[in-house]
Amino acid sequence: MTGSQKAPVHPYLVLLAAILLPGAGHMLMGVPKRGLVMQMYMIALGWITWHLTTPHQSLVGRLAGGLFIYAMSVLDAYRIARLTYAKYQKSH
């Protein structure tokens, strides 16, 4: 690593972005393809669970697959940010 390497985005900022907009945390971390894949899976599993459940289920129940991927996406973005930030701090 060079001494002029730019500091990575703080993990809490990545966490906030990931919570507010799916895929935004991955975009801040510089892995936009990973964020886009997460969004596609979120939409696909949300659509699947919506059509597999009955109208008598709650909204959360009907979108459970998409919400699960959303939660995993938030955790994934934060994990990547935290590891990258710790690696940067250790080297400086």
PDB file of N, CA and C in Angstrom:
ATOM      1  N   MET A   1       0.833  -1.189   0.000  1.00  0.00           N
ATOM      2  CA  MET A   1       0.000   0.000   0.000  1.00  0.00           C
ATOM      3  C   MET A   1       0.870   1.241   0.000  1.00  0.00           C
ATOM      4  N   THR A   2       0.406   2.219  -0.665  1.00  0.00           N
ATOM      5  CA  THR A   2       1.154   3.461  -0.707  1.00  0.00           C
ATOM      6  C   THR A   2       0.668   4.395   0.387  1.00  0.00           C
ATOM      7  N   GLY A   3       1.504   5.343   0.746  1.00  0.00           N
ATOM      8  CA  GLY A   3       1.162   6.291   1.797  1.00  0.00           C
ATOM      9  C   GLY A   3       0.097   7.284   1.382  1.00  0.00           C
ATOM     10  N   SER A   4      -0.111   7.465   0.089  1.00  0.00           N
ATOM     11  CA  SER A   4      -1.089   8.428  -0.387  1.00  0.00           C
ATOM     12  C   SER A   4      -2.445   7.791  -0.679  1.00  0.00           C
ATOM     13  N   GLN A   5      -2.653   6.584  -0.181  1.00  0.00           N
ATOM     14  CA  GLN A   5      -3.920   5.904  -0.425  1.00  0.00           C
ATOM     15  C   GLN A   5      -5.051   6.635   0.305  1.00  0.00           C
ATOM     16  N   LYS A   6      -6.163   6.782  -0.390  1.00  0.00           N
ATOM     17  CA  LYS A   6      -7.309   7.490   0.161  1.00  0.00           C
ATOM     18  C   LYS A   6      -7.966   6.644   1.257  1.00  0.00           C
ATOM     19  N   ALA A   7      -8.386   7.293   2.324  1.00  0.00           N
ATOM     20  CA  ALA A   7      -9.044   6.598   3.431  1.00  0.00           C
ATOM     21  C   ALA A   7     -10.403   6.065   2.978  1.00  0.00           C
ATOM     22  N   PRO A   8     -10.751   4.870   3.408  1.00  0.00           N
ATOM     23  CA  PRO A   8     -12.060   4.319   3.034  1.00  0.00           C
ATOM     24  C   PRO A   8     -13.193   5.035   3.778  1.00  0.00           C
ATOM     25  N   VAL A   9     -14.385   4.840   3.288  1.00  0.00           N
ATOM     26  CA  VAL A   9     -15.570   5.440   3.898  1.00  0.00           C
ATOM     27  C   VAL A   9     -15.783   4.808   5.273  1.00  0.00           C
ATOM     28  N   HIS A  10     -16.171   5.623   6.240  1.00  0.00           N
ATOM     29  CA  HIS A  10     -16.394   5.122   7.600  1.00  0.00           C
ATOM     30  C   HIS A  10     -17.535   4.092   7.582  1.00  0.00           C
ATOM     31  N   PRO A  11     -17.387   2.993   8.309  1.00  0.00           N
ATOM     32  CA  PRO A  11     -18.395   1.933   8.305  1.00  0.00           C
ATOM     33  C   PRO A  11     -19.799   2.388   8.720  1.00  0.00           C
ATOM     34  N   TYR A  12     -19.903   3.346   9.634  1.00  0.00           N
ATOM     35  CA  TYR A  12     -21.229   3.811  10.047  1.00  0.00           C
ATOM     36  C   TYR A  12     -21.944   4.571   8.928  1.00  0.00           C
ATOM     37  N   LEU A  13     -21.184   5.285   8.111  1.00  0.00           N
ATOM     38  CA  LEU A  13     -21.778   5.969   6.969  1.00  0.00           C
ATOM     39  C   LEU A  13     -22.267   4.946   5.943  1.00  0.00           C
ATOM     40  N   VAL A  14     -21.485   3.902   5.737  1.00  0.00           N
ATOM     41  CA  VAL A  14     -21.893   2.826   4.822  1.00  0.00           C
ATOM     42  C   VAL A  14     -23.150   2.148   5.357  1.00  0.00           C
ATOM     43  N   LEU A  15     -23.199   1.910   6.655  1.00  0.00           N
ATOM     44  CA  LEU A  15     -24.372   1.283   7.275  1.00  0.00           C
ATOM     45  C   LEU A  15     -25.608   2.143   7.077  1.00  0.00           C
ATOM     46  N   LEU A  16     -25.487   3.436   7.297  1.00  0.00           N
ATOM     47  CA  LEU A  16     -26.614   4.347   7.117  1.00  0.00           C
ATOM     48  C   LEU A  16     -27.092   4.351   5.667  1.00  0.00           C
ATOM     49  N   ALA A  17     -26.154   4.416   4.734  1.00  0.00           N
ATOM     50  CA  ALA A  17     -26.526   4.413   3.315  1.00  0.00           C
ATOM     51  C   ALA A  17     -27.208   3.104   2.925  1.00  0.00           C
ATOM     52  N   ALA A  18     -26.712   1.986   3.447  1.00  0.00           N
ATOM     53  CA  ALA A  18     -27.295   0.684   3.125  1.00  0.00           C
ATOM     54  C   ALA A  18     -28.698   0.539   3.695  1.00  0.00           C
ATOM     55  N   ILE A  19     -28.929   1.120   4.855  1.00  0.00           N
ATOM     56  CA  ILE A  19     -30.262   1.053   5.453  1.00  0.00           C
ATOM     57  C   ILE A  19     -31.240   1.923   4.671  1.00  0.00           C
ATOM     58  N   LEU A  20     -30.804   3.110   4.286  1.00  0.00           N
ATOM     59  CA  LEU A  20     -31.698   4.047   3.605  1.00  0.00           C
ATOM     60  C   LEU A  20     -32.023   3.648   2.176  1.00  0.00           C
ATOM     61  N   LEU A  21     -31.051   3.100   1.463  1.00  0.00           N
ATOM     62  CA  LEU A  21     -31.262   2.753   0.059  1.00  0.00           C
ATOM     63  C   LEU A  21     -30.513   1.461  -0.253  1.00  0.00           C
ATOM     64  N   PRO A  22     -31.230   0.395  -0.560  1.00  0.00           N
ATOM     65  CA  PRO A  22     -30.563  -0.878  -0.848  1.00  0.00           C
ATOM     66  C   PRO A  22     -29.529  -0.740  -1.971  1.00  0.00           C
ATOM     67  N   GLY A  23     -28.343  -1.210  -1.717  1.00  0.00           N
ATOM     68  CA  GLY A  23     -27.266  -1.147  -2.694  1.00  0.00           C
ATOM     69  C   GLY A  23     -26.374   0.072  -2.557  1.00  0.00           C
ATOM     70  N   ALA A  24     -26.831   1.089  -1.853  1.00  0.00           N
ATOM     71  CA  ALA A  24     -26.043   2.316  -1.723  1.00  0.00           C
ATOM     72  C   ALA A  24     -24.781   2.098  -0.898  1.00  0.00           C
ATOM     73  N   GLY A  25     -24.851   1.244   0.095  1.00  0.00           N
ATOM     74  CA  GLY A  25     -23.666   0.942   0.896  1.00  0.00           C
ATOM     75  C   GLY A  25     -22.592   0.276   0.075  1.00  0.00           C
ATOM     76  N   HIS A  26     -23.003  -0.632  -0.798  1.00  0.00           N
ATOM     77  CA  HIS A  26     -22.046  -1.298  -1.676  1.00  0.00           C
ATOM     78  C   HIS A  26     -21.452  -0.304  -2.682  1.00  0.00           C
ATOM     79  N   MET A  27     -22.279   0.628  -3.133  1.00  0.00           N
ATOM     80  CA  MET A  27     -21.783   1.647  -4.062  1.00  0.00           C
ATOM     81  C   MET A  27     -20.701   2.495  -3.391  1.00  0.00           C
ATOM     82  N   LEU A  28     -20.924   2.894  -2.138  1.00  0.00           N
ATOM     83  CA  LEU A  28     -19.927   3.685  -1.415  1.00  0.00           C
ATOM     84  C   LEU A  28     -18.629   2.911  -1.218  1.00  0.00           C
ATOM     85  N   MET A  29     -18.740   1.612  -1.070  1.00  0.00           N
ATOM     86  CA  MET A  29     -17.557   0.776  -0.849  1.00  0.00           C
ATOM     87  C   MET A  29     -16.817   0.463  -2.146  1.00  0.00           C
ATOM     88  N   GLY A  30     -17.411   0.797  -3.281  1.00  0.00           N
ATOM     89  CA  GLY A  30     -16.752   0.552  -4.560  1.00  0.00           C
ATOM     90  C   GLY A  30     -17.025  -0.819  -5.140  1.00  0.00           C
ATOM     91  N   VAL A  31     -18.096  -1.477  -4.695  1.00  0.00           N
ATOM     92  CA  VAL A  31     -18.491  -2.771  -5.254  1.00  0.00           C
ATOM     93  C   VAL A  31     -19.939  -2.685  -5.756  1.00  0.00           C
ATOM     94  N   PRO A  32     -20.165  -1.864  -6.792  1.00  0.00           N
ATOM     95  CA  PRO A  32     -21.538  -1.646  -7.254  1.00  0.00           C
ATOM     96  C   PRO A  32     -22.192  -2.897  -7.838  1.00  0.00           C
ATOM     97  N   LYS A  33     -21.401  -3.781  -8.437  1.00  0.00           N
ATOM     98  CA  LYS A  33     -22.002  -5.001  -8.997  1.00  0.00           C
ATOM     99  C   LYS A  33     -22.611  -5.859  -7.895  1.00  0.00           C
ATOM    100  N   ARG A  34     -21.935  -5.928  -6.767  1.00  0.00           N
ATOM    101  CA  ARG A  34     -22.454  -6.704  -5.642  1.00  0.00           C
ATOM    102  C   ARG A  34     -23.763  -6.099  -5.138  1.00  0.00           C
ATOM    103  N   GLY A  35     -23.828  -4.785  -5.064  1.00  0.00           N
ATOM    104  CA  GLY A  35     -25.057  -4.113  -4.648  1.00  0.00           C
ATOM    105  C   GLY A  35     -26.188  -4.353  -5.628  1.00  0.00           C
ATOM    106  N   LEU A  36     -25.882  -4.328  -6.920  1.00  0.00           N
ATOM    107  CA  LEU A  36     -26.899  -4.570  -7.934  1.00  0.00           C
ATOM    108  C   LEU A  36     -27.414  -6.008  -7.869  1.00  0.00           C
ATOM    109  N   VAL A  37     -26.519  -6.955  -7.647  1.00  0.00           N
ATOM    110  CA  VAL A  37     -26.937  -8.355  -7.508  1.00  0.00           C
ATOM    111  C   VAL A  37     -27.859  -8.504  -6.302  1.00  0.00           C
ATOM    112  N   MET A  38     -27.517  -7.863  -5.198  1.00  0.00           N
ATOM    113  CA  MET A  38     -28.364  -7.919  -4.007  1.00  0.00           C
ATOM    114  C   MET A  38     -29.748  -7.333  -4.304  1.00  0.00           C
ATOM    115  N   GLN A  39     -29.788  -6.238  -5.036  1.00  0.00           N
ATOM    116  CA  GLN A  39     -31.070  -5.627  -5.387  1.00  0.00           C
ATOM    117  C   GLN A  39     -31.906  -6.558  -6.256  1.00  0.00           C
ATOM    118  N   MET A  40     -31.267  -7.201  -7.216  1.00  0.00           N
ATOM    119  CA  MET A  40     -31.999  -8.114  -8.096  1.00  0.00           C
ATOM    120  C   MET A  40     -32.569  -9.305  -7.317  1.00  0.00           C
ATOM    121  N   TYR A  41     -31.773  -9.863  -6.414  1.00  0.00           N
ATOM    122  CA  TYR A  41     -32.269 -10.964  -5.587  1.00  0.00           C
ATOM    123  C   TYR A  41     -33.382 -10.493  -4.652  1.00  0.00           C
ATOM    124  N   MET A  42     -33.254  -9.284  -4.147  1.00  0.00           N
ATOM    125  CA  MET A  42     -34.276  -8.741  -3.269  1.00  0.00           C
ATOM    126  C   MET A  42     -35.605  -8.611  -4.015  1.00  0.00           C
ATOM    127  N   ILE A  43     -35.554  -8.089  -5.223  1.00  0.00           N
ATOM    128  CA  ILE A  43     -36.766  -7.944  -6.027  1.00  0.00           C
ATOM    129  C   ILE A  43     -37.331  -9.315  -6.394  1.00  0.00           C
ATOM    130  N   ALA A  44     -36.465 -10.228  -6.826  1.00  0.00           N
ATOM    131  CA  ALA A  44     -36.925 -11.555  -7.250  1.00  0.00           C
ATOM    132  C   ALA A  44     -37.561 -12.321  -6.086  1.00  0.00           C
ATOM    133  N   LEU A  45     -36.900 -12.357  -4.936  1.00  0.00           N
ATOM    134  CA  LEU A  45     -37.464 -13.108  -3.812  1.00  0.00           C
ATOM    135  C   LEU A  45     -38.687 -12.416  -3.215  1.00  0.00           C
ATOM    136  N   GLY A  46     -38.722 -11.103  -3.259  1.00  0.00           N
ATOM    137  CA  GLY A  46     -39.929 -10.386  -2.834  1.00  0.00           C
ATOM    138  C   GLY A  46     -41.101 -10.720  -3.726  1.00  0.00           C
ATOM    139  N   TRP A  47     -40.861 -10.776  -5.020  1.00  0.00           N
ATOM    140  CA  TRP A  47     -41.909 -11.116  -5.988  1.00  0.00           C
ATOM    141  C   TRP A  47     -42.374 -12.551  -5.789  1.00  0.00           C
ATOM    142  N   ILE A  48     -41.434 -13.461  -5.585  1.00  0.00           N
ATOM    143  CA  ILE A  48     -41.778 -14.874  -5.392  1.00  0.00           C
ATOM    144  C   ILE A  48     -42.618 -15.054  -4.132  1.00  0.00           C
ATOM    145  N   THR A  49     -42.174 -14.492  -3.010  1.00  0.00           N
ATOM    146  CA  THR A  49     -42.940 -14.672  -1.779  1.00  0.00           C
ATOM    147  C   THR A  49     -44.281 -13.958  -1.847  1.00  0.00           C
ATOM    148  N   TRP A  50     -44.355 -12.848  -2.578  1.00  0.00           N
ATOM    149  CA  TRP A  50     -45.631 -12.155  -2.748  1.00  0.00           C
ATOM    150  C   TRP A  50     -46.641 -13.069  -3.440  1.00  0.00           C
ATOM    151  N   HIS A  51     -46.185 -13.793  -4.455  1.00  0.00           N
ATOM    152  CA  HIS A  51     -47.093 -14.653  -5.226  1.00  0.00           C
ATOM    153  C   HIS A  51     -47.318 -16.020  -4.584  1.00  0.00           C
ATOM    154  N   LEU A  52     -46.494 -16.424  -3.650  1.00  0.00           N
ATOM    155  CA  LEU A  52     -46.686 -17.708  -2.980  1.00  0.00           C
ATOM    156  C   LEU A  52     -47.553 -17.607  -1.732  1.00  0.00           C
ATOM    157  N   THR A  53     -47.752 -16.404  -1.241  1.00  0.00           N
ATOM    158  CA  THR A  53     -48.567 -16.224  -0.040  1.00  0.00           C
ATOM    159  C   THR A  53     -49.978 -15.811  -0.425  1.00  0.00           C
ATOM    160  N   THR A  54     -50.860 -15.867   0.552  1.00  0.00           N
ATOM    161  CA  THR A  54     -52.243 -15.460   0.316  1.00  0.00           C
ATOM    162  C   THR A  54     -52.416 -13.986   0.653  1.00  0.00           C
ATOM    163  N   PRO A  55     -53.474 -13.368   0.142  1.00  0.00           N
ATOM    164  CA  PRO A  55     -53.729 -11.963   0.478  1.00  0.00           C
ATOM    165  C   PRO A  55     -54.012 -11.735   1.962  1.00  0.00           C
ATOM    166  N   HIS A  56     -54.260 -12.802   2.710  1.00  0.00           N
ATOM    167  CA  HIS A  56     -54.549 -12.670   4.140  1.00  0.00           C
ATOM    168  C   HIS A  56     -53.279 -12.490   4.970  1.00  0.00           C
ATOM    169  N   GLN A  57     -52.115 -12.656   4.372  1.00  0.00           N
ATOM    170  CA  GLN A  57     -50.853 -12.482   5.082  1.00  0.00           C
ATOM    171  C   GLN A  57     -50.548 -10.996   5.234  1.00  0.00           C
ATOM    172  N   SER A  58     -49.747 -10.677   6.222  1.00  0.00           N
ATOM    173  CA  SER A  58     -49.338  -9.278   6.410  1.00  0.00           C
ATOM    174  C   SER A  58     -48.378  -8.874   5.287  1.00  0.00           C
ATOM    175  N   LEU A  59     -48.156  -7.580   5.152  1.00  0.00           N
ATOM    176  CA  LEU A  59     -47.238  -7.080   4.130  1.00  0.00           C
ATOM    177  C   LEU A  59     -45.832  -7.620   4.349  1.00  0.00           C
ATOM    178  N   VAL A  60     -45.410  -7.680   5.604  1.00  0.00           N
ATOM    179  CA  VAL A  60     -44.080  -8.210   5.922  1.00  0.00           C
ATOM    180  C   VAL A  60     -43.999  -9.682   5.524  1.00  0.00           C
ATOM    181  N   GLY A  61     -45.044 -10.432   5.798  1.00  0.00           N
ATOM    182  CA  GLY A  61     -45.077 -11.840   5.420  1.00  0.00           C
ATOM    183  C   GLY A  61     -45.059 -12.048   3.925  1.00  0.00           C
ATOM    184  N   ARG A  62     -45.734 -11.175   3.200  1.00  0.00           N
ATOM    185  CA  ARG A  62     -45.792 -11.304   1.746  1.00  0.00           C
ATOM    186  C   ARG A  62     -44.478 -10.915   1.077  1.00  0.00           C
ATOM    187  N   LEU A  63     -43.705 -10.069   1.721  1.00  0.00           N
ATOM    188  CA  LEU A  63     -42.433  -9.629   1.155  1.00  0.00           C
ATOM    189  C   LEU A  63     -41.236 -10.220   1.903  1.00  0.00           C
ATOM    190  N   ALA A  64     -41.433 -11.278   2.630  1.00  0.00           N
ATOM    191  CA  ALA A  64     -40.403 -11.837   3.513  1.00  0.00           C
ATOM    192  C   ALA A  64     -39.110 -12.176   2.775  1.00  0.00           C
ATOM    193  N   GLY A  65     -39.186 -12.740   1.595  1.00  0.00           N
ATOM    194  CA  GLY A  65     -37.970 -13.094   0.853  1.00  0.00           C
ATOM    195  C   GLY A  65     -37.142 -11.866   0.507  1.00  0.00           C
ATOM    196  N   GLY A  66     -37.794 -10.832   0.016  1.00  0.00           N
ATOM    197  CA  GLY A  66     -37.089  -9.599  -0.328  1.00  0.00           C
ATOM    198  C   GLY A  66     -36.539  -8.890   0.893  1.00  0.00           C
ATOM    199  N   LEU A  67     -37.294  -8.896   1.980  1.00  0.00           N
ATOM    200  CA  LEU A  67     -36.826  -8.257   3.207  1.00  0.00           C
ATOM    201  C   LEU A  67     -35.640  -9.000   3.808  1.00  0.00           C
ATOM    202  N   PHE A  68     -35.624 -10.320   3.653  1.00  0.00           N
ATOM    203  CA  PHE A  68     -34.488 -11.104   4.131  1.00  0.00           C
ATOM    204  C   PHE A  68     -33.214 -10.713   3.380  1.00  0.00           C
ATOM    205  N   ILE A  69     -33.304 -10.617   2.056  1.00  0.00           N
ATOM    206  CA  ILE A  69     -32.134 -10.235   1.255  1.00  0.00           C
ATOM    207  C   ILE A  69     -31.731  -8.796   1.563  1.00  0.00           C
ATOM    208  N   TYR A  70     -32.702  -7.926   1.809  1.00  0.00           N
ATOM    209  CA  TYR A  70     -32.405  -6.545   2.191  1.00  0.00           C
ATOM    210  C   TYR A  70     -31.571  -6.519   3.477  1.00  0.00           C
ATOM    211  N   ALA A  71     -31.991  -7.299   4.462  1.00  0.00           N
ATOM    212  CA  ALA A  71     -31.253  -7.357   5.733  1.00  0.00           C
ATOM    213  C   ALA A  71     -29.849  -7.914   5.518  1.00  0.00           C
ATOM    214  N   MET A  72     -29.718  -8.937   4.705  1.00  0.00           N
ATOM    215  CA  MET A  72     -28.403  -9.520   4.425  1.00  0.00           C
ATOM    216  C   MET A  72     -27.511  -8.524   3.672  1.00  0.00           C
ATOM    217  N   SER A  73     -28.115  -7.723   2.808  1.00  0.00           N
ATOM    218  CA  SER A  73     -27.376  -6.718   2.051  1.00  0.00           C
ATOM    219  C   SER A  73     -26.814  -5.642   2.983  1.00  0.00           C
ATOM    220  N   VAL A  74     -27.612  -5.215   3.936  1.00  0.00           N
ATOM    221  CA  VAL A  74     -27.160  -4.206   4.908  1.00  0.00           C
ATOM    222  C   VAL A  74     -25.987  -4.760   5.716  1.00  0.00           C
ATOM    223  N   LEU A  75     -26.139  -5.981   6.204  1.00  0.00           N
ATOM    224  CA  LEU A  75     -25.068  -6.595   6.993  1.00  0.00           C
ATOM    225  C   LEU A  75     -23.807  -6.812   6.160  1.00  0.00           C
ATOM    226  N   ASP A  76     -23.980  -7.210   4.911  1.00  0.00           N
ATOM    227  CA  ASP A  76     -22.837  -7.453   4.031  1.00  0.00           C
ATOM    228  C   ASP A  76     -22.066  -6.162   3.757  1.00  0.00           C
ATOM    229  N   ALA A  77     -22.783  -5.088   3.458  1.00  0.00           N
ATOM    230  CA  ALA A  77     -22.123  -3.806   3.184  1.00  0.00           C
ATOM    231  C   ALA A  77     -21.364  -3.320   4.419  1.00  0.00           C
ATOM    232  N   TYR A  78     -21.986  -3.443   5.587  1.00  0.00           N
ATOM    233  CA  TYR A  78     -21.321  -3.011   6.818  1.00  0.00           C
ATOM    234  C   TYR A  78     -20.093  -3.869   7.113  1.00  0.00           C
ATOM    235  N   ARG A  79     -20.195  -5.171   6.897  1.00  0.00           N
ATOM    236  CA  ARG A  79     -19.067  -6.070   7.143  1.00  0.00           C
ATOM    237  C   ARG A  79     -17.884  -5.718   6.244  1.00  0.00           C
ATOM    238  N   ILE A  80     -18.145  -5.498   4.972  1.00  0.00           N
ATOM    239  CA  ILE A  80     -17.076  -5.129   4.035  1.00  0.00           C
ATOM    240  C   ILE A  80     -16.441  -3.797   4.464  1.00  0.00           C
ATOM    241  N   ALA A  81     -17.290  -2.831   4.819  1.00  0.00           N
ATOM    242  CA  ALA A  81     -16.780  -1.520   5.231  1.00  0.00           C
ATOM    243  C   ALA A  81     -15.938  -1.621   6.490  1.00  0.00           C
ATOM    244  N   ARG A  82     -16.405  -2.393   7.467  1.00  0.00           N
ATOM    245  CA  ARG A  82     -15.674  -2.528   8.721  1.00  0.00           C
ATOM    246  C   ARG A  82     -14.319  -3.192   8.507  1.00  0.00           C
ATOM    247  N   LEU A  83     -14.280  -4.243   7.684  1.00  0.00           N
ATOM    248  CA  LEU A  83     -13.022  -4.929   7.416  1.00  0.00           C
ATOM    249  C   LEU A  83     -12.045  -4.043   6.648  1.00  0.00           C
ATOM    250  N   THR A  84     -12.563  -3.325   5.662  1.00  0.00           N
ATOM    251  CA  THR A  84     -11.721  -2.422   4.873  1.00  0.00           C
ATOM    252  C   THR A  84     -11.165  -1.297   5.746  1.00  0.00           C
ATOM    253  N   TYR A  85     -12.014  -0.750   6.608  1.00  0.00           N
ATOM    254  CA  TYR A  85     -11.603   0.341   7.492  1.00  0.00           C
ATOM    255  C   TYR A  85     -10.559  -0.127   8.494  1.00  0.00           C
ATOM    256  N   ALA A  86     -10.756  -1.312   9.050  1.00  0.00           N
ATOM    257  CA  ALA A  86      -9.786  -1.857  10.019  1.00  0.00           C
ATOM    258  C   ALA A  86      -8.441  -2.145   9.341  1.00  0.00           C
ATOM    259  N   LYS A  87      -8.486  -2.659   8.125  1.00  0.00           N
ATOM    260  CA  LYS A  87      -7.255  -2.925   7.389  1.00  0.00           C
ATOM    261  C   LYS A  87      -6.510  -1.623   7.089  1.00  0.00           C
ATOM    262  N   TYR A  88      -7.266  -0.588   6.734  1.00  0.00           N
ATOM    263  CA  TYR A  88      -6.638   0.712   6.454  1.00  0.00           C
ATOM    264  C   TYR A  88      -6.017   1.299   7.727  1.00  0.00           C
ATOM    265  N   GLN A  89      -6.738   1.233   8.836  1.00  0.00           N
ATOM    266  CA  GLN A  89      -6.215   1.780  10.093  1.00  0.00           C
ATOM    267  C   GLN A  89      -4.973   1.018  10.551  1.00  0.00           C
ATOM    268  N   LYS A  90      -4.956  -0.264  10.347  1.00  0.00           N
ATOM    269  CA  LYS A  90      -3.807  -1.069  10.757  1.00  0.00           C
ATOM    270  C   LYS A  90      -2.561  -0.709   9.947  1.00  0.00           C
ATOM    271  N   SER A  91      -2.754  -0.359   8.686  1.00  0.00           N
ATOM    272  CA  SER A  91      -1.603  -0.045   7.828  1.00  0.00           C
ATOM    273  C   SER A  91      -1.140   1.406   8.004  1.00  0.00           C
ATOM    274  N   HIS A  92      -1.930   2.234   8.681  1.00  0.00           N
ATOM    275  CA  HIS A  92      -1.529   3.643   8.862  1.00  0.00           C
ATOM    276  C   HIS A  92      -1.364   3.953  10.286  1.00  0.00           C
TER     277      HIS A  92
END
